[in-house]
């Protein structure tokens, strides 16, 4: 008798958000991402980073924005949970992000590898913008 089996597994998690404008949407989704990356932080060690990104379209810019936050979370060993968009257009973003250093040895509840383009679409309505993003875990 066979002791193993093969089965389908989706190793992803999604976030969705909305904002009155593109800046509001990008900040909303960054905050959703921060809740997934949250771990023990050292409140005495604030961290700031500047982000400047260019992309051919808004969807690519959104994925680049979230992936840059994921990268900086790992590189600086910090959780970023405050975001200030200084400038944004459909192909350009300049921002400052703020967070706290992670306590040595602390680990996030899950590792987020990347934001993906899977089923990504930014929708515009009278209320503003909304989007769903699938994150690879």
C-alpha atoms as a PDB file:
ATOM      1  CA  UNK A   1       0.000   0.000   0.000  1.00  0.00           C
ATOM      2  CA  UNK A   2       1.224   3.486  -0.915  1.00  0.00           C
ATOM      3  CA  UNK A   3       2.136   5.676   2.126  1.00  0.00           C
ATOM      4  CA  UNK A   4       2.071   9.022   0.390  1.00  0.00           C
ATOM      5  CA  UNK A   5      -0.319  11.056  -1.724  1.00  0.00           C
ATOM      6  CA  UNK A   6      -0.175  14.091  -3.934  1.00  0.00           C
ATOM      7  CA  UNK A   7      -2.774  16.810  -3.548  1.00  0.00           C
ATOM      8  CA  UNK A   8      -3.403  20.350  -4.723  1.00  0.00           C
ATOM      9  CA  UNK A   9      -2.532  23.153  -2.346  1.00  0.00           C
ATOM     10  CA  UNK A  10      -2.830  26.879  -2.836  1.00  0.00           C
ATOM     11  CA  UNK A  11      -0.019  28.544  -0.925  1.00  0.00           C
ATOM     12  CA  UNK A  12      -1.406  32.039  -1.204  1.00  0.00           C
ATOM     13  CA  UNK A  13      -3.269  34.646   0.811  1.00  0.00           C
ATOM     14  CA  UNK A  14      -5.143  37.664  -0.476  1.00  0.00           C
ATOM     15  CA  UNK A  15      -5.600  41.246   0.632  1.00  0.00           C
ATOM     16  CA  UNK A  16      -8.115  43.749  -0.602  1.00  0.00           C
ATOM     17  CA  UNK A  17      -8.530  47.439  -0.006  1.00  0.00           C
ATOM     18  CA  UNK A  18     -10.016  50.698  -1.181  1.00  0.00           C
ATOM     19  CA  UNK A  19      -9.204  54.380  -1.163  1.00  0.00           C
ATOM     20  CA  UNK A  20     -10.660  57.642  -2.434  1.00  0.00           C
ATOM     21  CA  UNK A  21      -7.599  58.031  -4.660  1.00  0.00           C
ATOM     22  CA  UNK A  22      -4.556  55.985  -5.714  1.00  0.00           C
ATOM     23  CA  UNK A  23      -2.556  57.114  -2.674  1.00  0.00           C
ATOM     24  CA  UNK A  24      -5.365  55.980  -0.367  1.00  0.00           C
ATOM     25  CA  UNK A  25      -5.578  52.610  -2.119  1.00  0.00           C
ATOM     26  CA  UNK A  26      -1.815  52.005  -1.952  1.00  0.00           C
ATOM     27  CA  UNK A  27      -1.716  52.959   1.747  1.00  0.00           C
ATOM     28  CA  UNK A  28      -4.727  50.764   2.544  1.00  0.00           C
ATOM     29  CA  UNK A  29      -3.137  47.711   0.915  1.00  0.00           C
ATOM     30  CA  UNK A  30       0.217  48.424   2.612  1.00  0.00           C
ATOM     31  CA  UNK A  31      -1.574  48.464   5.979  1.00  0.00           C
ATOM     32  CA  UNK A  32      -3.251  45.151   5.136  1.00  0.00           C
ATOM     33  CA  UNK A  33       0.178  43.724   4.296  1.00  0.00           C
ATOM     34  CA  UNK A  34       1.571  45.080   7.593  1.00  0.00           C
ATOM     35  CA  UNK A  35      -1.044  43.150   9.573  1.00  0.00           C
ATOM     36  CA  UNK A  36       0.264  39.936   7.985  1.00  0.00           C
ATOM     37  CA  UNK A  37       3.910  40.788   8.709  1.00  0.00           C
ATOM     38  CA  UNK A  38       3.318  42.006  12.274  1.00  0.00           C
ATOM     39  CA  UNK A  39       5.508  40.442  14.927  1.00  0.00           C
ATOM     40  CA  UNK A  40       7.089  41.555  18.193  1.00  0.00           C
ATOM     41  CA  UNK A  41       8.702  44.937  17.726  1.00  0.00           C
ATOM     42  CA  UNK A  42      11.197  46.943  19.725  1.00  0.00           C
ATOM     43  CA  UNK A  43       9.326  50.186  20.390  1.00  0.00           C
ATOM     44  CA  UNK A  44      12.594  52.036  21.093  1.00  0.00           C
ATOM     45  CA  UNK A  45      14.034  51.498  17.621  1.00  0.00           C
ATOM     46  CA  UNK A  46      12.075  53.327  14.920  1.00  0.00           C
ATOM     47  CA  UNK A  47      12.987  52.768  11.273  1.00  0.00           C
ATOM     48  CA  UNK A  48      12.257  54.954   8.254  1.00  0.00           C
ATOM     49  CA  UNK A  49      12.725  54.159   4.591  1.00  0.00           C
ATOM     50  CA  UNK A  50      12.188  56.104   1.387  1.00  0.00           C
ATOM     51  CA  UNK A  51      10.750  54.420  -1.661  1.00  0.00           C
ATOM     52  CA  UNK A  52      10.883  55.665  -5.242  1.00  0.00           C
ATOM     53  CA  UNK A  53       9.416  53.449  -7.956  1.00  0.00           C
ATOM     54  CA  UNK A  54       8.620  53.679 -11.654  1.00  0.00           C
ATOM     55  CA  UNK A  55       6.428  51.264 -13.595  1.00  0.00           C
ATOM     56  CA  UNK A  56       4.705  51.065 -16.977  1.00  0.00           C
ATOM     57  CA  UNK A  57       1.213  51.018 -15.394  1.00  0.00           C
ATOM     58  CA  UNK A  58      -0.669  51.289 -12.107  1.00  0.00           C
ATOM     59  CA  UNK A  59      -1.031  47.540 -11.520  1.00  0.00           C
ATOM     60  CA  UNK A  60       2.716  47.001 -11.933  1.00  0.00           C
ATOM     61  CA  UNK A  61       3.350  49.972  -9.633  1.00  0.00           C
ATOM     62  CA  UNK A  62       1.085  48.479  -6.955  1.00  0.00           C
ATOM     63  CA  UNK A  63       2.871  45.106  -7.083  1.00  0.00           C
ATOM     64  CA  UNK A  64       6.270  46.857  -6.995  1.00  0.00           C
ATOM     65  CA  UNK A  65       5.128  48.946  -3.978  1.00  0.00           C
ATOM     66  CA  UNK A  66       4.039  45.916  -1.962  1.00  0.00           C
ATOM     67  CA  UNK A  67       7.120  43.919  -2.957  1.00  0.00           C
ATOM     68  CA  UNK A  68       9.396  46.786  -1.912  1.00  0.00           C
ATOM     69  CA  UNK A  69       7.738  46.830   1.522  1.00  0.00           C
ATOM     70  CA  UNK A  70       8.176  43.043   1.798  1.00  0.00           C
ATOM     71  CA  UNK A  71      11.846  43.405   0.794  1.00  0.00           C
ATOM     72  CA  UNK A  72      12.511  46.238   3.279  1.00  0.00           C
ATOM     73  CA  UNK A  73      10.762  44.279   6.029  1.00  0.00           C
ATOM     74  CA  UNK A  74      13.319  41.508   5.520  1.00  0.00           C
ATOM     75  CA  UNK A  75      16.372  43.662   4.800  1.00  0.00           C
ATOM     76  CA  UNK A  76      15.925  46.068   7.722  1.00  0.00           C
ATOM     77  CA  UNK A  77      14.402  43.459  10.094  1.00  0.00           C
ATOM     78  CA  UNK A  78      11.517  45.841  10.752  1.00  0.00           C
ATOM     79  CA  UNK A  79       7.743  45.956  10.454  1.00  0.00           C
ATOM     80  CA  UNK A  80       6.524  49.010   8.569  1.00  0.00           C
ATOM     81  CA  UNK A  81       2.998  50.068   9.494  1.00  0.00           C
ATOM     82  CA  UNK A  82       2.817  53.796   8.699  1.00  0.00           C
ATOM     83  CA  UNK A  83       2.942  55.066   5.156  1.00  0.00           C
ATOM     84  CA  UNK A  84       3.137  58.503   3.569  1.00  0.00           C
ATOM     85  CA  UNK A  85       2.749  58.829  -0.199  1.00  0.00           C
ATOM     86  CA  UNK A  86       4.629  61.954  -1.264  1.00  0.00           C
ATOM     87  CA  UNK A  87       3.858  61.666  -4.968  1.00  0.00           C
ATOM     88  CA  UNK A  88       1.888  59.207  -7.086  1.00  0.00           C
ATOM     89  CA  UNK A  89       0.776  58.884 -10.690  1.00  0.00           C
ATOM     90  CA  UNK A  90      -0.161  55.820 -12.784  1.00  0.00           C
ATOM     91  CA  UNK A  91       3.550  55.022 -13.363  1.00  0.00           C
ATOM     92  CA  UNK A  92       5.441  56.666 -10.503  1.00  0.00           C
ATOM     93  CA  UNK A  93       5.473  56.597  -6.713  1.00  0.00           C
ATOM     94  CA  UNK A  94       7.552  58.348  -4.075  1.00  0.00           C
ATOM     95  CA  UNK A  95       6.868  57.540  -0.425  1.00  0.00           C
ATOM     96  CA  UNK A  96       8.208  57.333   3.096  1.00  0.00           C
ATOM     97  CA  UNK A  97       7.433  54.355   5.297  1.00  0.00           C
ATOM     98  CA  UNK A  98       7.828  54.093   9.053  1.00  0.00           C
ATOM     99  CA  UNK A  99       8.064  51.170  11.410  1.00  0.00           C
ATOM    100  CA  UNK A 100       9.892  49.543  14.278  1.00  0.00           C
ATOM    101  CA  UNK A 101      12.774  47.090  14.443  1.00  0.00           C
ATOM    102  CA  UNK A 102      11.858  43.471  15.106  1.00  0.00           C
ATOM    103  CA  UNK A 103      13.073  42.048  18.413  1.00  0.00           C
ATOM    104  CA  UNK A 104      15.997  39.652  17.873  1.00  0.00           C
ATOM    105  CA  UNK A 105      14.736  36.105  17.439  1.00  0.00           C
ATOM    106  CA  UNK A 106      11.112  37.124  16.810  1.00  0.00           C
ATOM    107  CA  UNK A 107       9.496  35.652  13.713  1.00  0.00           C
ATOM    108  CA  UNK A 108       6.408  36.813  11.832  1.00  0.00           C
ATOM    109  CA  UNK A 109       3.379  34.497  11.895  1.00  0.00           C
ATOM    110  CA  UNK A 110       3.935  33.738   8.185  1.00  0.00           C
ATOM    111  CA  UNK A 111       6.536  34.541   5.571  1.00  0.00           C
ATOM    112  CA  UNK A 112       5.227  36.574   2.659  1.00  0.00           C
ATOM    113  CA  UNK A 113       7.396  35.963  -0.399  1.00  0.00           C
ATOM    114  CA  UNK A 114       5.849  38.395  -2.872  1.00  0.00           C
ATOM    115  CA  UNK A 115       2.823  40.237  -4.170  1.00  0.00           C
ATOM    116  CA  UNK A 116       1.666  38.707  -7.447  1.00  0.00           C
ATOM    117  CA  UNK A 117      -0.186  39.750 -10.589  1.00  0.00           C
ATOM    118  CA  UNK A 118      -2.573  36.786 -10.262  1.00  0.00           C
ATOM    119  CA  UNK A 119      -6.123  38.127 -10.825  1.00  0.00           C
ATOM    120  CA  UNK A 120      -4.893  41.656 -10.033  1.00  0.00           C
ATOM    121  CA  UNK A 121      -7.119  44.453 -11.229  1.00  0.00           C
ATOM    122  CA  UNK A 122      -7.465  47.976  -9.912  1.00  0.00           C
ATOM    123  CA  UNK A 123     -11.070  49.109 -10.192  1.00  0.00           C
ATOM    124  CA  UNK A 124     -12.187  52.723 -10.382  1.00  0.00           C
ATOM    125  CA  UNK A 125     -15.662  53.821  -9.273  1.00  0.00           C
ATOM    126  CA  UNK A 126     -17.405  56.979  -8.111  1.00  0.00           C
ATOM    127  CA  UNK A 127     -16.194  56.169  -4.563  1.00  0.00           C
ATOM    128  CA  UNK A 128     -12.531  55.890  -5.627  1.00  0.00           C
ATOM    129  CA  UNK A 129     -10.275  52.896  -6.245  1.00  0.00           C
ATOM    130  CA  UNK A 130     -10.294  49.295  -5.028  1.00  0.00           C
ATOM    131  CA  UNK A 131      -8.133  46.232  -5.617  1.00  0.00           C
ATOM    132  CA  UNK A 132      -7.469  42.667  -4.544  1.00  0.00           C
ATOM    133  CA  UNK A 133      -3.899  41.350  -4.441  1.00  0.00           C
ATOM    134  CA  UNK A 134      -2.780  37.752  -4.045  1.00  0.00           C
ATOM    135  CA  UNK A 135       0.360  37.298  -1.940  1.00  0.00           C
ATOM    136  CA  UNK A 136       2.626  34.300  -2.340  1.00  0.00           C
ATOM    137  CA  UNK A 137       3.408  32.729   1.045  1.00  0.00           C
END
